[in-house]
Amino acid sequence: MKTTRTTKKCPICGTAFTPKTINSRYCSEQCSKKAYKRKVTEEKRQQELDTIAASVPGDRPYISVPEAIAIYGVAKSTTVTKHIRKYGIPMRHQGNSIYVPKTEIDKLYK
């Protein structure tokens, strides 16, 4: 019985490779390490966002942009600020932070 080897595409660098085992996902150890570092970084970022979201009291009328990112799962702060400007949401500046009404952000992202 003849076995044929299939090729896979590495999700990190995009090169085609012949896997050494059935479970091989990456073309090299270097790509495997990059993937691991990305995974750890993303888990750490998600943990930080969860901590921020948990620390926001539910009855507070205004929230900051980083808190909105953590609560609603928006990718970037620039996305939130663009939406604030685009939809004319009233904002309050306090130091270097921007605070917006929680009810308005709820309408926008829920």
PDB file of N, CA and C in Angstrom:
ATOM      1  N   MET A   1       0.838  -1.165   0.000  1.00  0.00           N
ATOM      2  CA  MET A   1       0.000   0.000   0.000  1.00  0.00           C
ATOM      3  C   MET A   1       0.893   1.242   0.000  1.00  0.00           C
ATOM      4  N   LYS A   2       0.619   2.133  -0.920  1.00  0.00           N
ATOM      5  CA  LYS A   2       1.422   3.334  -1.076  1.00  0.00           C
ATOM      6  C   LYS A   2       0.734   4.487  -0.343  1.00  0.00           C
ATOM      7  N   THR A   3       1.497   5.228   0.437  1.00  0.00           N
ATOM      8  CA  THR A   3       0.942   6.374   1.132  1.00  0.00           C
ATOM      9  C   THR A   3       1.363   7.641   0.399  1.00  0.00           C
ATOM     10  N   THR A   4       0.479   8.578   0.371  1.00  0.00           N
ATOM     11  CA  THR A   4       0.801   9.855  -0.257  1.00  0.00           C
ATOM     12  C   THR A   4       0.950  10.910   0.827  1.00  0.00           C
ATOM     13  N   ARG A   5       1.869  11.775   0.612  1.00  0.00           N
ATOM     14  CA  ARG A   5       2.107  12.864   1.560  1.00  0.00           C
ATOM     15  C   ARG A   5       1.353  14.103   1.101  1.00  0.00           C
ATOM     16  N   THR A   6       0.647  14.694   2.012  1.00  0.00           N
ATOM     17  CA  THR A   6      -0.065  15.923   1.698  1.00  0.00           C
ATOM     18  C   THR A   6       0.752  17.110   2.184  1.00  0.00           C
ATOM     19  N   THR A   7       0.448  18.253   1.664  1.00  0.00           N
ATOM     20  CA  THR A   7       1.126  19.459   2.126  1.00  0.00           C
ATOM     21  C   THR A   7       0.126  20.310   2.900  1.00  0.00           C
ATOM     22  N   LYS A   8       0.662  21.057   3.818  1.00  0.00           N
ATOM     23  CA  LYS A   8      -0.132  21.987   4.609  1.00  0.00           C
ATOM     24  C   LYS A   8       0.462  23.378   4.449  1.00  0.00           C
ATOM     25  N   LYS A   9      -0.326  24.363   4.818  1.00  0.00           N
ATOM     26  CA  LYS A   9       0.147  25.738   4.792  1.00  0.00           C
ATOM     27  C   LYS A   9       0.357  26.199   6.234  1.00  0.00           C
ATOM     28  N   CYS A  10       1.531  26.718   6.515  1.00  0.00           N
ATOM     29  CA  CYS A  10       1.856  27.185   7.863  1.00  0.00           C
ATOM     30  C   CYS A  10       1.027  28.434   8.180  1.00  0.00           C
ATOM     31  N   PRO A  11       0.289  28.442   9.290  1.00  0.00           N
ATOM     32  CA  PRO A  11      -0.536  29.606   9.627  1.00  0.00           C
ATOM     33  C   PRO A  11       0.275  30.835  10.043  1.00  0.00           C
ATOM     34  N   ILE A  12       1.557  30.667  10.347  1.00  0.00           N
ATOM     35  CA  ILE A  12       2.378  31.792  10.773  1.00  0.00           C
ATOM     36  C   ILE A  12       3.061  32.463   9.590  1.00  0.00           C
ATOM     37  N   CYS A  13       3.812  31.688   8.813  1.00  0.00           N
ATOM     38  CA  CYS A  13       4.583  32.288   7.715  1.00  0.00           C
ATOM     39  C   CYS A  13       3.945  32.089   6.350  1.00  0.00           C
ATOM     40  N   GLY A  14       2.990  31.177   6.241  1.00  0.00           N
ATOM     41  CA  GLY A  14       2.275  30.989   5.000  1.00  0.00           C
ATOM     42  C   GLY A  14       2.944  30.075   3.981  1.00  0.00           C
ATOM     43  N   THR A  15       4.060  29.472   4.325  1.00  0.00           N
ATOM     44  CA  THR A  15       4.731  28.590   3.373  1.00  0.00           C
ATOM     45  C   THR A  15       4.093  27.206   3.396  1.00  0.00           C
ATOM     46  N   ALA A  16       4.158  26.548   2.259  1.00  0.00           N
ATOM     47  CA  ALA A  16       3.652  25.178   2.165  1.00  0.00           C
ATOM     48  C   ALA A  16       4.732  24.232   2.667  1.00  0.00           C
ATOM     49  N   PHE A  17       4.333  23.207   3.411  1.00  0.00           N
ATOM     50  CA  PHE A  17       5.299  22.251   3.950  1.00  0.00           C
ATOM     51  C   PHE A  17       4.672  20.878   4.039  1.00  0.00           C
ATOM     52  N   THR A  18       5.522  19.884   4.091  1.00  0.00           N
ATOM     53  CA  THR A  18       5.075  18.508   4.273  1.00  0.00           C
ATOM     54  C   THR A  18       5.199  18.189   5.756  1.00  0.00           C
ATOM     55  N   PRO A  19       4.084  17.925   6.439  1.00  0.00           N
ATOM     56  CA  PRO A  19       4.149  17.686   7.885  1.00  0.00           C
ATOM     57  C   PRO A  19       4.862  16.379   8.212  1.00  0.00           C
ATOM     58  N   LYS A  20       5.621  16.418   9.309  1.00  0.00           N
ATOM     59  CA  LYS A  20       6.346  15.222   9.755  1.00  0.00           C
ATOM     60  C   LYS A  20       5.411  14.231  10.432  1.00  0.00           C
ATOM     61  N   THR A  21       4.377  14.762  11.097  1.00  0.00           N
ATOM     62  CA  THR A  21       3.372  13.909  11.743  1.00  0.00           C
ATOM     63  C   THR A  21       1.983  14.415  11.354  1.00  0.00           C
ATOM     64  N   ILE A  22       0.977  13.679  11.730  1.00  0.00           N
ATOM     65  CA  ILE A  22      -0.400  14.076  11.431  1.00  0.00           C
ATOM     66  C   ILE A  22      -0.758  15.364  12.172  1.00  0.00           C
ATOM     67  N   ASN A  23      -0.200  15.535  13.353  1.00  0.00           N
ATOM     68  CA  ASN A  23      -0.548  16.675  14.200  1.00  0.00           C
ATOM     69  C   ASN A  23       0.289  17.920  13.945  1.00  0.00           C
ATOM     70  N   SER A  24       1.228  17.879  13.030  1.00  0.00           N
ATOM     71  CA  SER A  24       2.081  19.045  12.761  1.00  0.00           C
ATOM     72  C   SER A  24       1.239  20.201  12.241  1.00  0.00           C
ATOM     73  N   ARG A  25       1.392  21.358  12.869  1.00  0.00           N
ATOM     74  CA  ARG A  25       0.635  22.543  12.457  1.00  0.00           C
ATOM     75  C   ARG A  25       1.523  23.612  11.843  1.00  0.00           C
ATOM     76  N   TYR A  26       2.792  23.602  12.195  1.00  0.00           N
ATOM     77  CA  TYR A  26       3.712  24.651  11.769  1.00  0.00           C
ATOM     78  C   TYR A  26       4.869  24.043  11.000  1.00  0.00           C
ATOM     79  N   CYS A  27       5.466  24.858  10.142  1.00  0.00           N
ATOM     80  CA  CYS A  27       6.517  24.339   9.272  1.00  0.00           C
ATOM     81  C   CYS A  27       7.843  24.156   9.999  1.00  0.00           C
ATOM     82  N   SER A  28       8.055  24.894  11.076  1.00  0.00           N
ATOM     83  CA  SER A  28       9.336  24.807  11.772  1.00  0.00           C
ATOM     84  C   SER A  28       9.144  25.094  13.259  1.00  0.00           C
ATOM     85  N   GLU A  29      10.194  24.846  14.006  1.00  0.00           N
ATOM     86  CA  GLU A  29      10.169  25.148  15.441  1.00  0.00           C
ATOM     87  C   GLU A  29      10.062  26.641  15.671  1.00  0.00           C
ATOM     88  N   GLN A  30      10.674  27.419  14.796  1.00  0.00           N
ATOM     89  CA  GLN A  30      10.627  28.874  14.907  1.00  0.00           C
ATOM     90  C   GLN A  30       9.177  29.385  14.797  1.00  0.00           C
ATOM     91  N   CYS A  31       8.423  28.874  13.831  1.00  0.00           N
ATOM     92  CA  CYS A  31       7.017  29.269  13.681  1.00  0.00           C
ATOM     93  C   CYS A  31       6.184  28.783  14.865  1.00  0.00           C
ATOM     94  N   SER A  32       6.502  27.619  15.379  1.00  0.00           N
ATOM     95  CA  SER A  32       5.806  27.095  16.542  1.00  0.00           C
ATOM     96  C   SER A  32       6.013  28.005  17.755  1.00  0.00           C
ATOM     97  N   LYS A  33       7.232  28.480  17.934  1.00  0.00           N
ATOM     98  CA  LYS A  33       7.530  29.389  19.053  1.00  0.00           C
ATOM     99  C   LYS A  33       6.809  30.728  18.882  1.00  0.00           C
ATOM    100  N   LYS A  34       6.750  31.231  17.650  1.00  0.00           N
ATOM    101  CA  LYS A  34       6.024  32.480  17.396  1.00  0.00           C
ATOM    102  C   LYS A  34       4.548  32.317  17.741  1.00  0.00           C
ATOM    103  N   ALA A  35       3.978  31.195  17.340  1.00  0.00           N
ATOM    104  CA  ALA A  35       2.568  30.941  17.622  1.00  0.00           C
ATOM    105  C   ALA A  35       2.323  30.865  19.130  1.00  0.00           C
ATOM    106  N   TYR A  36       3.220  30.220  19.838  1.00  0.00           N
ATOM    107  CA  TYR A  36       3.084  30.109  21.286  1.00  0.00           C
ATOM    108  C   TYR A  36       3.155  31.489  21.944  1.00  0.00           C
ATOM    109  N   LYS A  37       4.110  32.320  21.508  1.00  0.00           N
ATOM    110  CA  LYS A  37       4.237  33.666  22.077  1.00  0.00           C
ATOM    111  C   LYS A  37       2.980  34.488  21.809  1.00  0.00           C
ATOM    112  N   ARG A  38       2.424  34.372  20.610  1.00  0.00           N
ATOM    113  CA  ARG A  38       1.193  35.095  20.285  1.00  0.00           C
ATOM    114  C   ARG A  38       0.047  34.629  21.168  1.00  0.00           C
ATOM    115  N   LYS A  39      -0.033  33.321  21.385  1.00  0.00           N
ATOM    116  CA  LYS A  39      -1.098  32.765  22.213  1.00  0.00           C
ATOM    117  C   LYS A  39      -0.989  33.269  23.648  1.00  0.00           C
ATOM    118  N   VAL A  40       0.215  33.258  24.199  1.00  0.00           N
ATOM    119  CA  VAL A  40       0.435  33.715  25.572  1.00  0.00           C
ATOM    120  C   VAL A  40       0.114  35.201  25.694  1.00  0.00           C
ATOM    121  N   THR A  41       0.541  35.986  24.711  1.00  0.00           N
ATOM    122  CA  THR A  41       0.278  37.422  24.726  1.00  0.00           C
ATOM    123  C   THR A  41      -1.216  37.697  24.667  1.00  0.00           C
ATOM    124  N   GLU A  42      -1.931  36.988  23.820  1.00  0.00           N
ATOM    125  CA  GLU A  42      -3.379  37.170  23.695  1.00  0.00           C
ATOM    126  C   GLU A  42      -4.093  36.756  24.976  1.00  0.00           C
ATOM    127  N   GLU A  43      -3.662  35.668  25.600  1.00  0.00           N
ATOM    128  CA  GLU A  43      -4.276  35.245  26.865  1.00  0.00           C
ATOM    129  C   GLU A  43      -4.051  36.285  27.953  1.00  0.00           C
ATOM    130  N   LYS A  44      -2.849  36.866  27.994  1.00  0.00           N
ATOM    131  CA  LYS A  44      -2.537  37.888  28.985  1.00  0.00           C
ATOM    132  C   LYS A  44      -3.386  39.141  28.738  1.00  0.00           C
ATOM    133  N   ARG A  45      -3.528  39.533  27.472  1.00  0.00           N
ATOM    134  CA  ARG A  45      -4.340  40.701  27.128  1.00  0.00           C
ATOM    135  C   ARG A  45      -5.795  40.463  27.517  1.00  0.00           C
ATOM    136  N   GLN A  46      -6.305  39.272  27.230  1.00  0.00           N
ATOM    137  CA  GLN A  46      -7.687  38.955  27.567  1.00  0.00           C
ATOM    138  C   GLN A  46      -7.908  38.960  29.076  1.00  0.00           C
ATOM    139  N   GLN A  47      -6.924  38.477  29.821  1.00  0.00           N
ATOM    140  CA  GLN A  47      -7.025  38.478  31.279  1.00  0.00           C
ATOM    141  C   GLN A  47      -7.058  39.915  31.809  1.00  0.00           C
ATOM    142  N   GLU A  48      -6.243  40.795  31.224  1.00  0.00           N
ATOM    143  CA  GLU A  48      -6.241  42.201  31.634  1.00  0.00           C
ATOM    144  C   GLU A  48      -7.587  42.862  31.324  1.00  0.00           C
ATOM    145  N   LEU A  49      -8.148  42.570  30.145  1.00  0.00           N
ATOM    146  CA  LEU A  49      -9.451  43.122  29.783  1.00  0.00           C
ATOM    147  C   LEU A  49     -10.548  42.619  30.714  1.00  0.00           C
ATOM    148  N   ASP A  50     -10.492  41.346  31.080  1.00  0.00           N
ATOM    149  CA  ASP A  50     -11.473  40.789  32.016  1.00  0.00           C
ATOM    150  C   ASP A  50     -11.380  41.465  33.378  1.00  0.00           C
ATOM    151  N   THR A  51     -10.157  41.747  33.820  1.00  0.00           N
ATOM    152  CA  THR A  51      -9.949  42.432  35.098  1.00  0.00           C
ATOM    153  C   THR A  51     -10.531  43.838  35.057  1.00  0.00           C
ATOM    154  N   ILE A  52     -10.287  44.553  33.952  1.00  0.00           N
ATOM    155  CA  ILE A  52     -10.820  45.914  33.807  1.00  0.00           C
ATOM    156  C   ILE A  52     -12.344  45.884  33.787  1.00  0.00           C
ATOM    157  N   ALA A  53     -12.908  44.968  33.009  1.00  0.00           N
ATOM    158  CA  ALA A  53     -14.366  44.880  32.905  1.00  0.00           C
ATOM    159  C   ALA A  53     -15.012  44.537  34.244  1.00  0.00           C
ATOM    160  N   ALA A  54     -14.368  43.683  35.024  1.00  0.00           N
ATOM    161  CA  ALA A  54     -14.918  43.297  36.325  1.00  0.00           C
ATOM    162  C   ALA A  54     -14.834  44.434  37.334  1.00  0.00           C
ATOM    163  N   SER A  55     -13.886  45.346  37.162  1.00  0.00           N
ATOM    164  CA  SER A  55     -13.699  46.429  38.128  1.00  0.00           C
ATOM    165  C   SER A  55     -14.635  47.617  37.888  1.00  0.00           C
ATOM    166  N   VAL A  56     -15.359  47.630  36.786  1.00  0.00           N
ATOM    167  CA  VAL A  56     -16.264  48.742  36.482  1.00  0.00           C
ATOM    168  C   VAL A  56     -17.594  48.513  37.195  1.00  0.00           C
ATOM    169  N   PRO A  57     -17.983  49.442  38.087  1.00  0.00           N
ATOM    170  CA  PRO A  57     -19.278  49.291  38.747  1.00  0.00           C
ATOM    171  C   PRO A  57     -20.419  49.436  37.745  1.00  0.00           C
ATOM    172  N   GLY A  58     -21.460  48.660  37.911  1.00  0.00           N
ATOM    173  CA  GLY A  58     -22.574  48.664  36.976  1.00  0.00           C
ATOM    174  C   GLY A  58     -23.419  49.924  37.006  1.00  0.00           C
ATOM    175  N   ASP A  59     -23.385  50.653  38.128  1.00  0.00           N
ATOM    176  CA  ASP A  59     -24.246  51.820  38.256  1.00  0.00           C
ATOM    177  C   ASP A  59     -23.549  53.126  37.888  1.00  0.00           C
ATOM    178  N   ARG A  60     -22.320  53.074  37.440  1.00  0.00           N
ATOM    179  CA  ARG A  60     -21.584  54.286  37.087  1.00  0.00           C
ATOM    180  C   ARG A  60     -22.072  54.809  35.732  1.00  0.00           C
ATOM    181  N   PRO A  61     -22.452  56.097  35.641  1.00  0.00           N
ATOM    182  CA  PRO A  61     -23.041  56.602  34.398  1.00  0.00           C
ATOM    183  C   PRO A  61     -22.036  56.820  33.261  1.00  0.00           C
ATOM    184  N   TYR A  62     -20.770  57.085  33.569  1.00  0.00           N
ATOM    185  CA  TYR A  62     -19.759  57.327  32.547  1.00  0.00           C
ATOM    186  C   TYR A  62     -18.671  56.268  32.635  1.00  0.00           C
ATOM    187  N   ILE A  63     -18.169  55.846  31.468  1.00  0.00           N
ATOM    188  CA  ILE A  63     -17.048  54.900  31.429  1.00  0.00           C
ATOM    189  C   ILE A  63     -15.981  55.443  30.487  1.00  0.00           C
ATOM    190  N   SER A  64     -14.747  55.027  30.734  1.00  0.00           N
ATOM    191  CA  SER A  64     -13.648  55.468  29.880  1.00  0.00           C
ATOM    192  C   SER A  64     -13.561  54.578  28.645  1.00  0.00           C
ATOM    193  N   VAL A  65     -12.765  55.004  27.676  1.00  0.00           N
ATOM    194  CA  VAL A  65     -12.603  54.240  26.440  1.00  0.00           C
ATOM    195  C   VAL A  65     -11.985  52.864  26.715  1.00  0.00           C
ATOM    196  N   PRO A  66     -10.917  52.748  27.533  1.00  0.00           N
ATOM    197  CA  PRO A  66     -10.395  51.407  27.818  1.00  0.00           C
ATOM    198  C   PRO A  66     -11.420  50.496  28.503  1.00  0.00           C
ATOM    199  N   GLU A  67     -12.266  51.066  29.340  1.00  0.00           N
ATOM    200  CA  GLU A  67     -13.316  50.271  29.978  1.00  0.00           C
ATOM    201  C   GLU A  67     -14.347  49.809  28.948  1.00  0.00           C
ATOM    202  N   ALA A  68     -14.666  50.671  27.985  1.00  0.00           N
ATOM    203  CA  ALA A  68     -15.608  50.294  26.926  1.00  0.00           C
ATOM    204  C   ALA A  68     -15.031  49.160  26.082  1.00  0.00           C
ATOM    205  N   ILE A  69     -13.747  49.211  25.806  1.00  0.00           N
ATOM    206  CA  ILE A  69     -13.080  48.153  25.048  1.00  0.00           C
ATOM    207  C   ILE A  69     -13.195  46.832  25.800  1.00  0.00           C
ATOM    208  N   ALA A  70     -12.944  46.875  27.104  1.00  0.00           N
ATOM    209  CA  ALA A  70     -12.969  45.659  27.916  1.00  0.00           C
ATOM    210  C   ALA A  70     -14.385  45.099  28.040  1.00  0.00           C
ATOM    211  N   ILE A  71     -15.372  45.955  28.218  1.00  0.00           N
ATOM    212  CA  ILE A  71     -16.743  45.499  28.431  1.00  0.00           C
ATOM    213  C   ILE A  71     -17.366  44.971  27.147  1.00  0.00           C
ATOM    214  N   TYR A  72     -17.170  45.680  26.048  1.00  0.00           N
ATOM    215  CA  TYR A  72     -17.875  45.345  24.806  1.00  0.00           C
ATOM    216  C   TYR A  72     -17.036  44.554  23.810  1.00  0.00           C
ATOM    217  N   GLY A  73     -15.774  44.330  24.114  1.00  0.00           N
ATOM    218  CA  GLY A  73     -14.936  43.510  23.247  1.00  0.00           C
ATOM    219  C   GLY A  73     -14.562  44.166  21.928  1.00  0.00           C
ATOM    220  N   VAL A  74     -14.458  45.473  21.912  1.00  0.00           N
ATOM    221  CA  VAL A  74     -14.058  46.192  20.708  1.00  0.00           C
ATOM    222  C   VAL A  74     -12.548  46.045  20.545  1.00  0.00           C
ATOM    223  N   ALA A  75     -12.088  45.942  19.311  1.00  0.00           N
ATOM    224  CA  ALA A  75     -10.684  45.634  19.049  1.00  0.00           C
ATOM    225  C   ALA A  75      -9.727  46.744  19.466  1.00  0.00           C
ATOM    226  N   LYS A  76     -10.028  47.995  19.149  1.00  0.00           N
ATOM    227  CA  LYS A  76      -9.073  49.082  19.395  1.00  0.00           C
ATOM    228  C   LYS A  76      -9.762  50.298  19.994  1.00  0.00           C
ATOM    229  N   SER A  77      -8.962  51.122  20.648  1.00  0.00           N
ATOM    230  CA  SER A  77      -9.507  52.357  21.200  1.00  0.00           C
ATOM    231  C   SER A  77      -9.841  53.344  20.090  1.00  0.00           C
ATOM    232  N   THR A  78      -9.106  53.268  18.966  1.00  0.00           N
ATOM    233  CA  THR A  78      -9.417  54.173  17.861  1.00  0.00           C
ATOM    234  C   THR A  78     -10.797  53.877  17.282  1.00  0.00           C
ATOM    235  N   THR A  79     -11.214  52.630  17.309  1.00  0.00           N
ATOM    236  CA  THR A  79     -12.544  52.268  16.827  1.00  0.00           C
ATOM    237  C   THR A  79     -13.610  52.928  17.694  1.00  0.00           C
ATOM    238  N   VAL A  80     -13.425  52.874  18.998  1.00  0.00           N
ATOM    239  CA  VAL A  80     -14.400  53.474  19.913  1.00  0.00           C
ATOM    240  C   VAL A  80     -14.438  54.983  19.724  1.00  0.00           C
ATOM    241  N   THR A  81     -13.278  55.623  19.645  1.00  0.00           N
ATOM    242  CA  THR A  81     -13.265  57.086  19.501  1.00  0.00           C
ATOM    243  C   THR A  81     -13.841  57.516  18.151  1.00  0.00           C
ATOM    244  N   LYS A  82     -13.613  56.740  17.096  1.00  0.00           N
ATOM    245  CA  LYS A  82     -14.212  57.058  15.793  1.00  0.00           C
ATOM    246  C   LYS A  82     -15.728  56.958  15.864  1.00  0.00           C
ATOM    247  N   HIS A  83     -16.235  55.927  16.543  1.00  0.00           N
ATOM    248  CA  HIS A  83     -17.681  55.779  16.682  1.00  0.00           C
ATOM    249  C   HIS A  83     -18.268  56.902  17.535  1.00  0.00           C
ATOM    250  N   ILE A  84     -17.540  57.325  18.552  1.00  0.00           N
ATOM    251  CA  ILE A  84     -18.009  58.425  19.397  1.00  0.00           C
ATOM    252  C   ILE A  84     -18.175  59.683  18.561  1.00  0.00           C
ATOM    253  N   ARG A  85     -17.183  59.960  17.733  1.00  0.00           N
ATOM    254  CA  ARG A  85     -17.253  61.163  16.889  1.00  0.00           C
ATOM    255  C   ARG A  85     -18.298  61.005  15.783  1.00  0.00           C
ATOM    256  N   LYS A  86     -18.355  59.846  15.160  1.00  0.00           N
ATOM    257  CA  LYS A  86     -19.273  59.619  14.039  1.00  0.00           C
ATOM    258  C   LYS A  86     -20.730  59.746  14.462  1.00  0.00           C
ATOM    259  N   TYR A  87     -21.076  59.178  15.606  1.00  0.00           N
ATOM    260  CA  TYR A  87     -22.458  59.177  16.052  1.00  0.00           C
ATOM    261  C   TYR A  87     -22.790  60.329  17.002  1.00  0.00           C
ATOM    262  N   GLY A  88     -21.849  61.247  17.209  1.00  0.00           N
ATOM    263  CA  GLY A  88     -22.102  62.432  18.016  1.00  0.00           C
ATOM    264  C   GLY A  88     -22.393  62.137  19.467  1.00  0.00           C
ATOM    265  N   ILE A  89     -21.750  61.126  20.007  1.00  0.00           N
ATOM    266  CA  ILE A  89     -21.946  60.781  21.413  1.00  0.00           C
ATOM    267  C   ILE A  89     -21.235  61.827  22.270  1.00  0.00           C
ATOM    268  N   PRO A  90     -21.943  62.407  23.244  1.00  0.00           N
ATOM    269  CA  PRO A  90     -21.293  63.414  24.087  1.00  0.00           C
ATOM    270  C   PRO A  90     -20.174  62.775  24.906  1.00  0.00           C
ATOM    271  N   MET A  91     -19.067  63.468  24.995  1.00  0.00           N
ATOM    272  CA  MET A  91     -17.945  62.923  25.761  1.00  0.00           C
ATOM    273  C   MET A  91     -17.426  63.969  26.720  1.00  0.00           C
ATOM    274  N   ARG A  92     -16.758  63.492  27.727  1.00  0.00           N
ATOM    275  CA  ARG A  92     -16.210  64.332  28.778  1.00  0.00           C
ATOM    276  C   ARG A  92     -14.720  64.043  28.872  1.00  0.00           C
ATOM    277  N   HIS A  93     -13.898  65.072  28.849  1.00  0.00           N
ATOM    278  CA  HIS A  93     -12.452  64.905  28.993  1.00  0.00           C
ATOM    279  C   HIS A  93     -12.068  65.121  30.450  1.00  0.00           C
ATOM    280  N   GLN A  94     -11.260  64.226  30.958  1.00  0.00           N
ATOM    281  CA  GLN A  94     -10.733  64.378  32.304  1.00  0.00           C
ATOM    282  C   GLN A  94      -9.273  63.972  32.244  1.00  0.00           C
ATOM    283  N   GLY A  95      -8.392  64.966  32.236  1.00  0.00           N
ATOM    284  CA  GLY A  95      -6.973  64.685  32.037  1.00  0.00           C
ATOM    285  C   GLY A  95      -6.767  64.215  30.608  1.00  0.00           C
ATOM    286  N   ASN A  96      -6.107  63.084  30.441  1.00  0.00           N
ATOM    287  CA  ASN A  96      -5.896  62.511  29.115  1.00  0.00           C
ATOM    288  C   ASN A  96      -6.948  61.474  28.755  1.00  0.00           C
ATOM    289  N   SER A  97      -7.924  61.278  29.609  1.00  0.00           N
ATOM    290  CA  SER A  97      -8.941  60.249  29.386  1.00  0.00           C
ATOM    291  C   SER A  97     -10.222  60.848  28.824  1.00  0.00           C
ATOM    292  N   ILE A  98     -10.919  60.034  28.036  1.00  0.00           N
ATOM    293  CA  ILE A  98     -12.218  60.399  27.498  1.00  0.00           C
ATOM    294  C   ILE A  98     -13.261  59.514  28.169  1.00  0.00           C
ATOM    295  N   TYR A  99     -14.294  60.143  28.696  1.00  0.00           N
ATOM    296  CA  TYR A  99     -15.394  59.414  29.330  1.00  0.00           C
ATOM    297  C   TYR A  99     -16.665  59.652  28.529  1.00  0.00           C
ATOM    298  N   VAL A 100     -17.440  58.602  28.352  1.00  0.00           N
ATOM    299  CA  VAL A 100     -18.681  58.682  27.587  1.00  0.00           C
ATOM    300  C   VAL A 100     -19.820  58.084  28.412  1.00  0.00           C
ATOM    301  N   PRO A 101     -21.059  58.520  28.141  1.00  0.00           N
ATOM    302  CA  PRO A 101     -22.196  57.952  28.872  1.00  0.00           C
ATOM    303  C   PRO A 101     -22.350  56.459  28.563  1.00  0.00           C
ATOM    304  N   LYS A 102     -22.482  55.678  29.595  1.00  0.00           N
ATOM    305  CA  LYS A 102     -22.596  54.229  29.432  1.00  0.00           C
ATOM    306  C   LYS A 102     -23.850  53.856  28.646  1.00  0.00           C
ATOM    307  N   THR A 103     -24.926  54.603  28.833  1.00  0.00           N
ATOM    308  CA  THR A 103     -26.166  54.281  28.107  1.00  0.00           C
ATOM    309  C   THR A 103     -26.000  54.460  26.610  1.00  0.00           C
ATOM    310  N   GLU A 104     -25.233  55.474  26.184  1.00  0.00           N
ATOM    311  CA  GLU A 104     -25.001  55.711  24.756  1.00  0.00           C
ATOM    312  C   GLU A 104     -24.136  54.606  24.156  1.00  0.00           C
ATOM    313  N   ILE A 105     -23.115  54.176  24.881  1.00  0.00           N
ATOM    314  CA  ILE A 105     -22.243  53.110  24.393  1.00  0.00           C
ATOM    315  C   ILE A 105     -23.026  51.794  24.349  1.00  0.00           C
ATOM    316  N   ASP A 106     -23.916  51.581  25.322  1.00  0.00           N
ATOM    317  CA  ASP A 106     -24.774  50.389  25.307  1.00  0.00           C
ATOM    318  C   ASP A 106     -25.603  50.343  24.025  1.00  0.00           C
ATOM    319  N   LYS A 107     -26.182  51.470  23.643  1.00  0.00           N
ATOM    320  CA  LYS A 107     -26.980  51.524  22.424  1.00  0.00           C
ATOM    321  C   LYS A 107     -26.134  51.204  21.193  1.00  0.00           C
ATOM    322  N   LEU A 108     -24.897  51.654  21.209  1.00  0.00           N
ATOM    323  CA  LEU A 108     -24.022  51.499  20.055  1.00  0.00           C
ATOM    324  C   LEU A 108     -23.525  50.060  19.881  1.00  0.00           C
ATOM    325  N   TYR A 109     -23.171  49.394  20.972  1.00  0.00           N
ATOM    326  CA  TYR A 109     -22.529  48.085  20.874  1.00  0.00           C
ATOM    327  C   TYR A 109     -23.393  46.900  21.287  1.00  0.00           C
ATOM    328  N   LYS A 110     -24.612  47.124  21.708  1.00  0.00           N
ATOM    329  CA  LYS A 110     -25.467  45.985  22.070  1.00  0.00           C
ATOM    330  C   LYS A 110     -26.566  45.773  21.095  1.00  0.00           C
TER     331      LYS A 110
END
